[in-house]
C-alpha cells in the first residue's frame, strides 16, 4: 500500500485488465477513521484479500461508500463484494450503469454517483464528470490536496485506450482539457505509477493525440482505406498480431471523431480524408 498523502492511500488490487497492467489502483480517501474506497477492482479473491489486508493496516476505518470511476469490470466488478464486506453502499454514474446493463452485466444494487461536492472524514472532494473513456466516467478532485483520482482518463505508464462504442475521442479530449485546468499537484491513475508532474504529463497526453491525428489524416490523403490497414500502418512494430485488433479499435476511435467533425468520408467501411477542409 502506498501513502499518497496524509488523507489518501493507494492499494494495488490484482485484476484482469489490459497489458501491461495486472492490477487496478484502488484508493482510500478520508481521515478521522472514516474513508471512501474508490475503484475496488474486479472482485477476484486475491483482489478482495488485498483490500481487506490494507483496510486492516489502515486501522479498520469506517468505509462510508464505494465509488467506481467507471463501469469497466476491472474497476467496478468488485463493488458489490466490497460493499457487502464493508457494509457500505456502492456507486456508479447513471450512464455507466446503463453501459453495464447493455453489456449484459449486473448493474443491480448500484446507487447513482452524481457530479458535485461531498465531504469524507473532513476531506472536501469534488466529483467531476469526465467522459470519453466511457460515457459516464467520473473523476474525484481534492482541491486542498491538489490531488485527482483520474480513473482511466490517465494511466501511470501508458496512454489510454479510447475505442467505440463506449469511447468518444472528442469528449475525452475535452475532459483532458478540463483536468489540465485544475491546480494539480498529483494524479492517481487507474493503473500504474502515481503522476507527480501532472501539467507536463497531461501535456504529453494531448500532444500524443495531436500527433496521432496528424498521422492518420496523412494516411487518409491518397486513397480509400480500412481501419485495419490504418492500424497496421500506425502500429507496425509496436503491436504484435494478437494485439492488432485493439489497435484497430483505437484507430476507429479517431475515425469516429473525424467523421463527427467532417474531416473524413466513409464508404463501404473505407475512409478517406475530405479534400480542401479546414482541419483547425
Protein backbone atom coordinates (compact mmCIF):
# COMPACT_ATOMS: atom_id res chain seq x y z
CA UNK A 1 0.00 0.00 0.00
CA UNK A 2 1.29 3.46 -0.94
CA UNK A 3 0.75 6.56 1.19
CA UNK A 4 -0.10 9.20 -1.39
CA UNK A 5 -0.79 11.89 1.22
CA UNK A 6 -1.99 12.10 4.80
CA UNK A 7 -5.54 11.59 3.55
CA UNK A 8 -5.10 9.29 0.55
CA UNK A 9 -3.67 5.77 0.32
CA UNK A 10 -3.41 3.51 -2.72
CA UNK A 11 -3.86 -0.26 -2.89
CA UNK A 12 -2.71 -2.23 -5.94
CA UNK A 13 -5.55 -4.70 -6.41
CA UNK A 14 -4.87 -7.74 -8.64
CA UNK A 15 -7.36 -7.59 -11.52
CA UNK A 16 -7.87 -8.88 -15.04
CA UNK A 17 -7.06 -5.82 -17.12
CA UNK A 18 -5.23 -4.80 -20.29
CA UNK A 19 -1.46 -5.29 -20.55
CA UNK A 20 0.98 -4.11 -19.39
CA UNK A 21 -1.05 -3.81 -16.19
CA UNK A 22 -2.00 -6.61 -13.83
CA UNK A 23 -3.64 -4.56 -11.09
CA UNK A 24 -6.17 -1.78 -10.60
CA UNK A 25 -5.31 1.15 -8.37
CA UNK A 26 -7.86 1.41 -5.55
CA UNK A 27 -7.78 4.50 -3.34
CA UNK A 28 -8.77 5.10 0.27
CA UNK A 29 -9.77 8.73 0.83
CA UNK A 30 -10.57 10.23 4.21
CA UNK A 31 -9.43 10.84 7.76
CA UNK A 32 -10.68 10.64 11.35
CA UNK A 33 -11.36 6.95 10.94
CA UNK A 34 -13.78 7.45 8.03
CA UNK A 35 -12.98 6.76 4.37
CA UNK A 36 -14.43 6.03 0.97
CA UNK A 37 -12.99 3.35 -1.28
CA UNK A 38 -12.53 4.28 -4.95
CA UNK A 39 -12.30 1.61 -7.68
CA UNK A 40 -12.24 -1.71 -5.78
CA UNK A 41 -11.03 -3.84 -8.71
CA UNK A 42 -12.75 -6.73 -10.45
CA UNK A 43 -13.82 -8.84 -7.48
CA UNK A 44 -11.21 -11.61 -7.71
CA UNK A 45 -10.45 -13.33 -4.41
CA UNK A 46 -6.86 -12.07 -4.50
CA UNK A 47 -8.06 -8.50 -5.00
CA UNK A 48 -10.57 -8.68 -2.18
CA UNK A 49 -7.88 -10.13 0.09
CA UNK A 50 -5.65 -7.16 -0.77
CA UNK A 51 -8.41 -4.71 0.11
CA UNK A 52 -9.12 -6.43 3.44
CA UNK A 53 -5.44 -6.55 4.41
CA UNK A 54 -4.89 -2.89 3.54
CA UNK A 55 -8.05 -1.88 5.40
CA UNK A 56 -6.68 -3.68 8.46
CA UNK A 57 -3.38 -1.82 8.03
CA UNK A 58 -5.29 1.48 7.96
CA UNK A 59 -6.79 0.67 11.36
CA UNK A 60 -10.15 -0.69 10.15
CA UNK A 61 -11.74 2.71 9.36
CA UNK A 62 -15.45 3.05 8.71
CA UNK A 63 -15.94 2.74 4.95
CA UNK A 64 -18.76 5.12 4.13
CA UNK A 65 -19.10 4.26 0.44
CA UNK A 66 -17.50 2.51 -2.51
CA UNK A 67 -17.17 4.71 -5.62
CA UNK A 68 -16.44 3.42 -9.12
CA UNK A 69 -15.00 5.95 -11.55
CA UNK A 70 -16.41 3.98 -14.49
CA UNK A 71 -18.09 0.72 -15.38
CA UNK A 72 -15.26 -1.39 -16.81
CA UNK A 73 -15.15 -4.54 -14.73
CA UNK A 74 -11.55 -4.11 -13.59
CA UNK A 75 -12.88 -1.07 -11.72
CA UNK A 76 -16.50 -1.89 -10.89
CA UNK A 77 -16.60 -5.68 -10.79
CA UNK A 78 -15.63 -5.80 -7.11
CA UNK A 79 -18.04 -3.10 -5.96
CA UNK A 80 -20.77 -5.40 -4.70
CA UNK A 81 -18.37 -7.69 -2.80
CA UNK A 82 -16.57 -4.70 -1.27
CA UNK A 83 -19.88 -3.09 -0.38
CA UNK A 84 -21.05 -6.28 1.31
CA UNK A 85 -17.82 -6.71 3.26
CA UNK A 86 -17.65 -3.10 4.43
CA UNK A 87 -21.44 -2.72 4.83
CA UNK A 88 -21.27 0.27 2.50
CA UNK A 89 -23.34 1.46 -0.47
CA UNK A 90 -21.62 1.34 -3.87
CA UNK A 91 -21.93 3.99 -6.55
CA UNK A 92 -21.56 4.35 -10.33
CA UNK A 93 -22.76 7.05 -12.73
CA UNK A 94 -26.15 6.61 -14.33
CA UNK A 95 -24.64 6.49 -17.83
CA UNK A 96 -22.20 3.77 -16.93
CA UNK A 97 -24.85 1.74 -15.12
CA UNK A 98 -26.65 1.71 -18.48
CA UNK A 99 -23.42 0.50 -20.14
CA UNK A 100 -23.16 -2.37 -17.66
CA UNK A 101 -26.71 -3.42 -18.44
CA UNK A 102 -26.12 -3.08 -22.21
CA UNK A 103 -23.16 -5.45 -21.93
CA UNK A 104 -25.23 -8.00 -20.04
CA UNK A 105 -23.58 -7.37 -16.67
CA UNK A 106 -25.47 -6.96 -13.41
CA UNK A 107 -25.99 -3.28 -12.62
CA UNK A 108 -28.35 -4.01 -9.73
CA UNK A 109 -27.57 -2.51 -6.36
CA UNK A 110 -25.55 0.45 -7.60
CA UNK A 111 -26.57 3.86 -6.37
CA UNK A 112 -26.08 6.82 -8.70
CA UNK A 113 -22.82 8.75 -8.50
CA UNK A 114 -23.56 12.36 -9.42
CA UNK A 115 -21.18 15.25 -10.11
CA UNK A 116 -20.84 17.65 -7.22
CA UNK A 117 -19.24 18.23 -3.81
CA UNK A 118 -19.01 15.76 -0.96
CA UNK A 119 -17.07 15.50 2.28
CA UNK A 120 -15.37 12.38 3.59
CA UNK A 121 -13.90 12.44 7.09
CA UNK A 122 -13.16 16.12 6.74
CA UNK A 123 -11.77 15.84 3.18
CA UNK A 124 -13.53 18.03 0.63
CA UNK A 125 -13.99 16.19 -2.68
CA UNK A 126 -15.49 17.35 -5.95
CA UNK A 127 -16.90 14.62 -8.18
CA UNK A 128 -16.23 15.70 -11.76
CA UNK A 129 -17.96 14.46 -14.89
CA UNK A 130 -15.07 13.44 -17.15
CA UNK A 131 -16.44 11.31 -20.02
CA UNK A 132 -14.58 9.96 -23.02
CA UNK A 133 -13.06 6.66 -21.94
CA UNK A 134 -16.63 5.68 -21.05
CA UNK A 135 -19.81 7.76 -21.41
CA UNK A 136 -20.22 8.37 -17.68
CA UNK A 137 -16.73 8.30 -16.21
CA UNK A 138 -16.27 10.39 -13.07
CA UNK A 139 -13.06 11.73 -11.55
CA UNK A 140 -12.52 12.79 -7.93
CA UNK A 141 -10.80 16.13 -7.38
CA UNK A 142 -9.49 17.15 -3.95
CA UNK A 143 -8.67 20.89 -4.11
CA UNK A 144 -6.98 21.05 -0.70
CA UNK A 145 -4.75 18.15 -1.68
CA UNK A 146 -4.19 19.24 -5.26
CA UNK A 147 -4.99 15.60 -5.96
CA UNK A 148 -7.02 13.95 -8.70
CA UNK A 149 -8.23 10.36 -8.89
CA UNK A 150 -8.47 10.03 -12.66
CA UNK A 151 -9.81 6.53 -13.22
CA UNK A 152 -8.78 5.52 -16.72
CA UNK A 153 -8.59 9.05 -18.07
CA UNK A 154 -4.93 8.89 -17.07
CA UNK A 155 -2.66 5.84 -16.78
CA UNK A 156 0.66 5.95 -14.99
CA UNK A 157 2.88 4.46 -17.68
CA UNK A 158 0.96 4.39 -20.97
CA UNK A 159 -1.66 6.28 -22.93
CA UNK A 160 -5.36 5.44 -22.67
CA UNK A 161 -7.45 3.27 -24.99
CA UNK A 162 -10.36 5.27 -26.42
CA UNK A 163 -12.42 2.87 -28.51
CA UNK A 164 -16.04 2.92 -29.73
CA UNK A 165 -18.78 2.32 -28.97
CA UNK A 166 -18.16 3.46 -25.38
CA UNK A 167 -15.09 5.59 -26.02
CA UNK A 168 -15.51 9.03 -27.57
CA UNK A 169 -12.29 10.80 -28.51
CA UNK A 170 -13.85 14.26 -28.78
CA UNK A 171 -15.31 14.02 -25.27
CA UNK A 172 -12.07 12.54 -23.96
CA UNK A 173 -10.00 15.45 -25.30
CA UNK A 174 -12.45 17.89 -23.72
CA UNK A 175 -12.11 16.05 -20.40
CA UNK A 176 -8.30 16.22 -20.61
CA UNK A 177 -8.52 19.99 -21.08
CA UNK A 178 -10.77 20.25 -18.03
CA UNK A 179 -8.33 18.21 -15.93
CA UNK A 180 -5.38 20.27 -17.19
CA UNK A 181 -7.12 23.45 -15.98
CA UNK A 182 -7.04 22.24 -12.36
CA UNK A 183 -4.28 23.20 -9.92
CA UNK A 184 -2.90 19.66 -9.78
CA UNK A 185 -0.08 18.50 -7.51
CA UNK A 186 -0.50 14.80 -8.32
CA UNK A 187 -2.73 12.41 -10.24
CA UNK A 188 -3.74 8.98 -9.01
CA UNK A 189 -4.21 6.98 -12.24
CA UNK A 190 -6.44 3.96 -12.71
CA UNK A 191 -3.37 1.80 -13.33
CA UNK A 192 0.36 2.32 -13.00
CA UNK A 193 2.55 4.82 -11.20
CA UNK A 194 1.47 7.97 -9.40
CA UNK A 195 1.83 11.03 -11.65
CA UNK A 196 3.86 13.68 -9.81
CA UNK A 197 4.20 16.24 -12.63
CA UNK A 198 0.60 16.47 -13.85
CA UNK A 199 0.97 19.55 -16.07
CA UNK A 200 3.78 18.03 -18.10
CA UNK A 201 2.16 14.60 -18.20
CA UNK A 202 -1.21 15.89 -19.42
CA UNK A 203 0.64 18.00 -21.97
CA UNK A 204 2.31 14.85 -23.28
CA UNK A 205 -1.07 13.11 -23.41
CA UNK A 206 -2.60 15.86 -25.53
CA UNK A 207 0.47 16.10 -27.77
CA UNK A 208 0.28 12.34 -28.38
CA UNK A 209 -3.34 12.63 -29.55
CA UNK A 210 -2.47 15.53 -31.82
CA UNK A 211 0.42 13.59 -33.36
CA UNK A 212 -1.77 10.51 -33.92
CA UNK A 213 -4.44 12.71 -35.51
CA UNK A 214 -1.95 14.16 -38.00
CA UNK A 215 -0.54 10.70 -38.74
CA UNK A 216 -3.89 9.10 -39.52
CA UNK A 217 -5.11 12.05 -41.56
CA UNK A 218 -1.92 11.89 -43.63
CA UNK A 219 -2.52 8.19 -44.30
CA UNK A 220 -6.05 9.03 -45.50
CA UNK A 221 -4.93 11.52 -48.11
CA UNK A 222 -4.18 9.22 -51.04
CA UNK A 223 -6.95 6.61 -51.22
CA UNK A 224 -9.89 4.97 -49.51
CA UNK A 225 -8.63 2.62 -46.81
CA UNK A 226 -9.89 0.39 -43.99
CA UNK A 227 -9.38 0.77 -40.24
CA UNK A 228 -7.39 -2.46 -40.19
CA UNK A 229 -4.97 -1.23 -42.85
CA UNK A 230 -4.56 2.04 -40.97
CA UNK A 231 -3.88 0.18 -37.72
CA UNK A 232 -1.21 -1.94 -39.40
CA UNK A 233 0.45 1.20 -40.72
CA UNK A 234 0.21 3.13 -37.44
CA UNK A 235 1.17 0.35 -35.04
CA UNK A 236 3.63 -1.70 -37.13
CA UNK A 237 6.48 -2.67 -34.82
CA UNK A 238 4.55 -1.53 -31.75
CA UNK A 239 1.82 -4.18 -31.52
CA UNK A 240 2.03 -7.85 -32.38
CA UNK A 241 -0.61 -9.58 -34.49
CA UNK A 242 -2.61 -10.65 -31.43
CA UNK A 243 -2.79 -7.01 -30.27
CA UNK A 244 -3.60 -5.51 -33.66
CA UNK A 245 -7.36 -5.82 -33.13
CA UNK A 246 -7.01 -3.43 -30.19
CA UNK A 247 -5.01 -1.11 -32.42
CA UNK A 248 -7.80 -1.22 -34.97
CA UNK A 249 -10.35 -0.20 -32.35
CA UNK A 250 -8.16 2.73 -31.32
CA UNK A 251 -7.99 3.83 -34.96
CA UNK A 252 -11.77 3.51 -35.16
CA UNK A 253 -11.98 5.95 -32.24
CA UNK A 254 -10.11 8.54 -34.28
CA UNK A 255 -12.20 7.85 -37.38
CA UNK A 256 -15.46 8.32 -35.48
CA UNK A 257 -14.18 11.68 -34.22
CA UNK A 258 -13.06 12.68 -37.73
CA UNK A 259 -16.50 11.80 -39.12
CA UNK A 260 -18.19 13.93 -36.46
CA UNK A 261 -16.01 16.88 -37.46
CA UNK A 262 -16.48 16.35 -41.19
CA UNK A 263 -12.79 15.68 -41.76
CA UNK A 264 -13.26 12.30 -43.45
CA UNK A 265 -15.85 10.49 -45.51
CA UNK A 266 -16.86 6.83 -45.19
CA UNK A 267 -17.89 4.48 -47.99
CA UNK A 268 -18.49 0.75 -47.58
CA UNK A 269 -16.30 0.53 -44.49
CA UNK A 270 -13.46 2.51 -46.07
CA UNK A 271 -12.39 6.03 -45.20
CA UNK A 272 -10.72 8.95 -46.95
CA UNK A 273 -9.86 12.50 -45.94
CA UNK A 274 -12.16 15.21 -47.26
CA UNK A 275 -10.22 17.46 -49.61
CA UNK A 276 -9.86 21.20 -49.02
CA UNK A 277 -11.25 21.02 -45.48
CA UNK A 278 -10.15 23.30 -42.67
CA UNK A 279 -8.62 20.94 -40.09
CA UNK A 280 -8.05 23.52 -37.37
